[in-house]
Amino acid sequence: MKLIDDLNNDLPLSAHPLGFESDFTPQALIEAVCTKRGQVSVAGPEVCVREFDSDITDYLVQSKAVFPWRNWVCFHTQMFALVLNGKPCEIVPRALGAPSHIGG
C-alpha cells in the first residue's frame, strides 16, 4: 500500500539499519534518567528476570524474599532484588518488553 510505504520511508526508525546496534541500550537509558533526576547510576546484578503477570513477584514480596531495588529508575515498573542459587538477581514484575539483561 503506497501510503504505508511512504509513511515508513519518512520515519527515522525505519531508516535504522537492522544490523547496527541500538542507541537505546538499557544502560544508556538508565544513565540518562539518573542524570535527569540527579541520581548516581548503580549497576545491578547481571541477571534480570522480567515477569509478565507478577504472580511470582507478588508471592516473593509477601514472603519477604525480595526487597525493592532503590536505584531502579523506571517510571512505570518496580524492580526487586533477590538471590537465586547464591547469585544476586533482579526481578521486574508487570513488564512487557523489559530488558532481559541490565547491569555490569
N, C-alpha and C. Protein backbone atom coordinates (compact mmCIF):
# COMPACT_ATOMS: atom_id res chain seq x y z
N MET A 1 0.86 -1.18 0.00
CA MET A 1 0.00 0.00 0.00
C MET A 1 0.90 1.23 0.00
N LYS A 2 0.70 2.12 -0.95
CA LYS A 2 1.59 3.25 -1.15
C LYS A 2 1.64 4.17 0.06
N LEU A 3 0.52 4.49 0.68
CA LEU A 3 0.51 5.40 1.83
C LEU A 3 1.37 4.86 2.97
N ILE A 4 1.25 3.56 3.27
CA ILE A 4 2.05 2.93 4.33
C ILE A 4 3.52 2.97 3.96
N ASP A 5 3.86 2.66 2.70
CA ASP A 5 5.25 2.69 2.27
C ASP A 5 5.83 4.09 2.39
N ASP A 6 5.07 5.11 1.99
CA ASP A 6 5.54 6.49 2.11
C ASP A 6 5.76 6.87 3.57
N LEU A 7 4.84 6.48 4.44
CA LEU A 7 4.96 6.79 5.87
C LEU A 7 6.18 6.10 6.45
N ASN A 8 6.38 4.82 6.14
CA ASN A 8 7.53 4.09 6.66
C ASN A 8 8.85 4.70 6.20
N ASN A 9 8.89 5.22 4.98
CA ASN A 9 10.13 5.82 4.48
C ASN A 9 10.45 7.14 5.18
N ASP A 10 9.45 7.79 5.78
CA ASP A 10 9.66 9.07 6.45
C ASP A 10 10.00 8.92 7.93
N LEU A 11 9.86 7.74 8.49
CA LEU A 11 10.12 7.54 9.91
C LEU A 11 11.60 7.25 10.15
N PRO A 12 12.26 8.00 11.05
CA PRO A 12 13.68 7.73 11.33
C PRO A 12 13.95 6.29 11.74
N LEU A 13 13.04 5.69 12.50
CA LEU A 13 13.24 4.31 12.96
C LEU A 13 13.30 3.35 11.77
N SER A 14 12.54 3.63 10.73
CA SER A 14 12.55 2.77 9.56
C SER A 14 13.88 2.84 8.82
N ALA A 15 14.60 3.95 8.97
CA ALA A 15 15.87 4.13 8.27
C ALA A 15 17.05 3.52 9.03
N HIS A 16 16.82 3.05 10.23
CA HIS A 16 17.90 2.47 11.04
C HIS A 16 18.26 1.09 10.51
N PRO A 17 19.51 0.92 10.10
CA PRO A 17 19.91 -0.41 9.58
C PRO A 17 19.76 -1.49 10.65
N LEU A 18 19.10 -2.56 10.32
CA LEU A 18 18.79 -3.60 11.31
C LEU A 18 20.02 -4.29 11.85
N GLY A 19 21.13 -4.30 11.12
CA GLY A 19 22.35 -4.96 11.59
C GLY A 19 23.15 -4.13 12.58
N PHE A 20 22.78 -2.86 12.78
CA PHE A 20 23.52 -1.97 13.67
C PHE A 20 23.00 -2.10 15.10
N GLU A 21 23.88 -1.83 16.08
CA GLU A 21 23.44 -1.83 17.48
C GLU A 21 22.49 -0.67 17.72
N SER A 22 21.58 -0.86 18.65
CA SER A 22 20.65 0.19 19.03
C SER A 22 21.36 1.24 19.87
N ASP A 23 20.96 2.50 19.69
CA ASP A 23 21.45 3.58 20.56
C ASP A 23 20.75 3.54 21.91
N PHE A 24 19.63 2.85 21.98
CA PHE A 24 18.83 2.82 23.19
C PHE A 24 19.12 1.55 23.98
N THR A 25 20.31 1.47 24.53
CA THR A 25 20.67 0.32 25.35
C THR A 25 20.10 0.53 26.75
N PRO A 26 19.84 -0.55 27.49
CA PRO A 26 19.33 -0.38 28.85
C PRO A 26 20.21 0.51 29.70
N GLN A 27 21.53 0.31 29.64
CA GLN A 27 22.43 1.11 30.48
C GLN A 27 22.40 2.59 30.08
N ALA A 28 22.34 2.89 28.78
CA ALA A 28 22.29 4.28 28.33
C ALA A 28 21.01 4.96 28.80
N LEU A 29 19.90 4.24 28.73
CA LEU A 29 18.63 4.80 29.19
C LEU A 29 18.64 5.04 30.70
N ILE A 30 19.19 4.10 31.45
CA ILE A 30 19.27 4.25 32.91
C ILE A 30 20.13 5.46 33.27
N GLU A 31 21.27 5.58 32.61
CA GLU A 31 22.16 6.71 32.90
C GLU A 31 21.51 8.05 32.56
N ALA A 32 20.74 8.10 31.47
CA ALA A 32 20.06 9.34 31.09
C ALA A 32 19.03 9.74 32.15
N VAL A 33 18.26 8.78 32.64
CA VAL A 33 17.26 9.09 33.67
C VAL A 33 17.95 9.50 34.97
N CYS A 34 19.00 8.80 35.34
CA CYS A 34 19.74 9.15 36.56
C CYS A 34 20.26 10.58 36.48
N THR A 35 20.81 10.94 35.34
CA THR A 35 21.33 12.30 35.16
C THR A 35 20.21 13.31 35.31
N LYS A 36 19.08 13.04 34.69
CA LYS A 36 17.94 13.96 34.77
C LYS A 36 17.43 14.10 36.21
N ARG A 37 17.44 13.01 36.97
CA ARG A 37 16.94 13.02 38.35
C ARG A 37 18.02 13.39 39.37
N GLY A 38 19.26 13.55 38.93
CA GLY A 38 20.35 13.86 39.86
C GLY A 38 20.75 12.65 40.70
N GLN A 39 20.54 11.44 40.18
CA GLN A 39 20.90 10.22 40.89
C GLN A 39 22.18 9.64 40.30
N VAL A 40 22.82 8.80 41.06
CA VAL A 40 24.00 8.10 40.59
C VAL A 40 23.55 6.78 39.97
N SER A 41 24.09 6.47 38.80
CA SER A 41 23.77 5.20 38.15
C SER A 41 24.55 4.09 38.82
N VAL A 42 23.82 3.10 39.32
CA VAL A 42 24.43 1.96 40.00
C VAL A 42 24.10 0.70 39.21
N ALA A 43 25.13 -0.01 38.81
CA ALA A 43 24.91 -1.25 38.06
C ALA A 43 24.31 -2.30 38.99
N GLY A 44 23.32 -2.99 38.48
CA GLY A 44 22.70 -4.06 39.25
C GLY A 44 23.31 -5.40 38.90
N PRO A 45 22.78 -6.46 39.45
CA PRO A 45 23.24 -7.80 39.09
C PRO A 45 23.10 -8.05 37.59
N GLU A 46 23.86 -9.00 37.08
CA GLU A 46 23.86 -9.28 35.65
C GLU A 46 22.57 -9.92 35.17
N VAL A 47 21.82 -10.56 36.06
CA VAL A 47 20.60 -11.25 35.65
C VAL A 47 19.38 -10.47 36.11
N CYS A 48 18.51 -10.20 35.17
CA CYS A 48 17.24 -9.53 35.48
C CYS A 48 16.12 -10.35 34.85
N VAL A 49 15.22 -10.81 35.69
CA VAL A 49 14.07 -11.60 35.24
C VAL A 49 12.90 -10.66 35.02
N ARG A 50 12.30 -10.72 33.85
CA ARG A 50 11.08 -9.94 33.64
C ARG A 50 9.91 -10.91 33.79
N GLU A 51 9.03 -10.54 34.67
CA GLU A 51 7.89 -11.41 34.96
C GLU A 51 6.63 -10.69 34.51
N PHE A 52 5.98 -11.23 33.52
CA PHE A 52 4.89 -10.52 32.87
C PHE A 52 3.64 -10.35 33.73
N ASP A 53 3.25 -11.36 34.47
CA ASP A 53 1.99 -11.25 35.21
C ASP A 53 2.16 -10.95 36.69
N SER A 54 3.33 -11.08 37.24
CA SER A 54 3.71 -10.71 38.61
C SER A 54 3.29 -11.69 39.70
N ASP A 55 2.77 -12.84 39.36
CA ASP A 55 2.37 -13.81 40.38
C ASP A 55 3.56 -14.22 41.25
N ILE A 56 4.69 -14.48 40.63
CA ILE A 56 5.88 -14.89 41.39
C ILE A 56 6.37 -13.74 42.26
N THR A 57 6.47 -12.55 41.68
CA THR A 57 6.95 -11.40 42.45
C THR A 57 6.03 -11.09 43.61
N ASP A 58 4.73 -11.12 43.39
CA ASP A 58 3.78 -10.85 44.48
C ASP A 58 3.99 -11.83 45.63
N TYR A 59 4.21 -13.10 45.30
CA TYR A 59 4.48 -14.11 46.33
C TYR A 59 5.79 -13.80 47.06
N LEU A 60 6.84 -13.46 46.29
CA LEU A 60 8.13 -13.16 46.90
C LEU A 60 8.07 -11.92 47.79
N VAL A 61 7.33 -10.92 47.38
CA VAL A 61 7.16 -9.71 48.20
C VAL A 61 6.42 -10.05 49.48
N GLN A 62 5.33 -10.81 49.35
CA GLN A 62 4.53 -11.20 50.52
C GLN A 62 5.35 -12.03 51.50
N SER A 63 6.23 -12.88 50.99
CA SER A 63 7.03 -13.72 51.88
C SER A 63 8.35 -13.06 52.29
N LYS A 64 8.54 -11.80 51.89
CA LYS A 64 9.73 -11.01 52.24
C LYS A 64 11.02 -11.64 51.73
N ALA A 65 10.95 -12.31 50.59
CA ALA A 65 12.13 -12.93 49.99
C ALA A 65 12.85 -11.97 49.04
N VAL A 66 12.24 -10.84 48.74
CA VAL A 66 12.84 -9.82 47.87
C VAL A 66 12.73 -8.46 48.55
N PHE A 67 13.54 -7.54 48.07
CA PHE A 67 13.44 -6.16 48.56
C PHE A 67 13.53 -5.22 47.35
N PRO A 68 12.93 -4.04 47.45
CA PRO A 68 12.95 -3.11 46.31
C PRO A 68 14.38 -2.70 45.96
N TRP A 69 14.66 -2.64 44.69
CA TRP A 69 15.94 -2.14 44.21
C TRP A 69 15.81 -0.63 44.13
N ARG A 70 16.43 0.07 45.06
CA ARG A 70 16.24 1.52 45.20
C ARG A 70 16.76 2.33 44.02
N ASN A 71 17.70 1.80 43.29
CA ASN A 71 18.30 2.55 42.18
C ASN A 71 17.59 2.35 40.85
N TRP A 72 16.49 1.63 40.85
CA TRP A 72 15.71 1.42 39.63
C TRP A 72 15.09 2.74 39.24
N VAL A 73 15.30 3.16 38.00
CA VAL A 73 14.88 4.50 37.60
C VAL A 73 13.68 4.51 36.64
N CYS A 74 13.06 3.39 36.44
CA CYS A 74 11.92 3.32 35.54
C CYS A 74 10.71 4.02 36.16
N PHE A 75 9.97 4.72 35.32
CA PHE A 75 8.78 5.43 35.79
C PHE A 75 7.57 4.51 35.92
N HIS A 76 7.57 3.36 35.23
CA HIS A 76 6.37 2.55 35.10
C HIS A 76 6.42 1.19 35.78
N THR A 77 7.58 0.78 36.21
CA THR A 77 7.70 -0.53 36.84
C THR A 77 8.52 -0.43 38.11
N GLN A 78 8.49 -1.49 38.88
CA GLN A 78 9.33 -1.62 40.06
C GLN A 78 10.36 -2.70 39.78
N MET A 79 11.44 -2.69 40.53
CA MET A 79 12.42 -3.76 40.44
C MET A 79 12.70 -4.24 41.85
N PHE A 80 12.83 -5.54 41.98
CA PHE A 80 13.14 -6.14 43.27
C PHE A 80 14.43 -6.95 43.15
N ALA A 81 15.18 -7.01 44.23
CA ALA A 81 16.41 -7.79 44.27
C ALA A 81 16.16 -9.08 45.03
N LEU A 82 16.83 -10.15 44.60
CA LEU A 82 16.72 -11.43 45.27
C LEU A 82 17.99 -12.22 44.99
N VAL A 83 18.16 -13.32 45.70
CA VAL A 83 19.30 -14.20 45.48
C VAL A 83 18.76 -15.55 45.06
N LEU A 84 19.25 -16.05 43.91
CA LEU A 84 18.86 -17.36 43.40
C LEU A 84 20.12 -18.21 43.29
N ASN A 85 20.11 -19.34 43.98
CA ASN A 85 21.26 -20.24 43.95
C ASN A 85 22.56 -19.51 44.28
N GLY A 86 22.49 -18.60 45.24
CA GLY A 86 23.67 -17.87 45.67
C GLY A 86 24.08 -16.71 44.79
N LYS A 87 23.32 -16.42 43.73
CA LYS A 87 23.66 -15.34 42.81
C LYS A 87 22.64 -14.21 42.93
N PRO A 88 23.11 -12.96 43.00
CA PRO A 88 22.17 -11.83 43.06
C PRO A 88 21.46 -11.67 41.72
N CYS A 89 20.16 -11.42 41.79
CA CYS A 89 19.32 -11.23 40.60
C CYS A 89 18.35 -10.09 40.86
N GLU A 90 17.73 -9.65 39.81
CA GLU A 90 16.66 -8.67 39.91
C GLU A 90 15.43 -9.26 39.23
N ILE A 91 14.28 -8.81 39.66
CA ILE A 91 13.03 -9.23 39.02
C ILE A 91 12.16 -7.99 38.83
N VAL A 92 11.61 -7.86 37.63
CA VAL A 92 10.75 -6.73 37.30
C VAL A 92 9.37 -7.30 36.97
N PRO A 93 8.39 -7.07 37.85
CA PRO A 93 7.05 -7.57 37.57
C PRO A 93 6.28 -6.64 36.63
N ARG A 94 5.27 -7.22 35.99
CA ARG A 94 4.36 -6.46 35.12
C ARG A 94 5.14 -5.69 34.06
N ALA A 95 6.09 -6.36 33.41
CA ALA A 95 6.99 -5.66 32.49
C ALA A 95 7.03 -6.35 31.13
N LEU A 96 6.15 -5.97 30.27
CA LEU A 96 6.20 -6.48 28.89
C LEU A 96 7.28 -5.73 28.15
N GLY A 97 8.17 -6.46 27.53
CA GLY A 97 9.23 -5.83 26.73
C GLY A 97 10.37 -5.26 27.53
N ALA A 98 10.47 -5.60 28.80
CA ALA A 98 11.57 -5.07 29.62
C ALA A 98 12.87 -5.70 29.21
N PRO A 99 13.96 -5.00 29.46
CA PRO A 99 15.26 -5.61 29.13
C PRO A 99 15.48 -6.89 29.90
N SER A 100 16.11 -7.87 29.24
CA SER A 100 16.37 -9.13 29.92
C SER A 100 17.74 -9.15 30.57
N HIS A 101 18.56 -8.14 30.31
CA HIS A 101 19.88 -8.06 30.94
C HIS A 101 20.17 -6.60 31.27
N ILE A 102 20.38 -6.33 32.53
CA ILE A 102 20.73 -4.99 32.98
C ILE A 102 21.85 -5.13 33.99
N GLY A 103 22.77 -4.27 33.93
CA GLY A 103 23.84 -4.29 34.92
C GLY A 103 25.20 -4.30 34.29
N GLY A 104 26.18 -4.65 35.13
CA GLY A 104 27.56 -4.85 34.76
C GLY A 104 28.17 -3.87 33.90
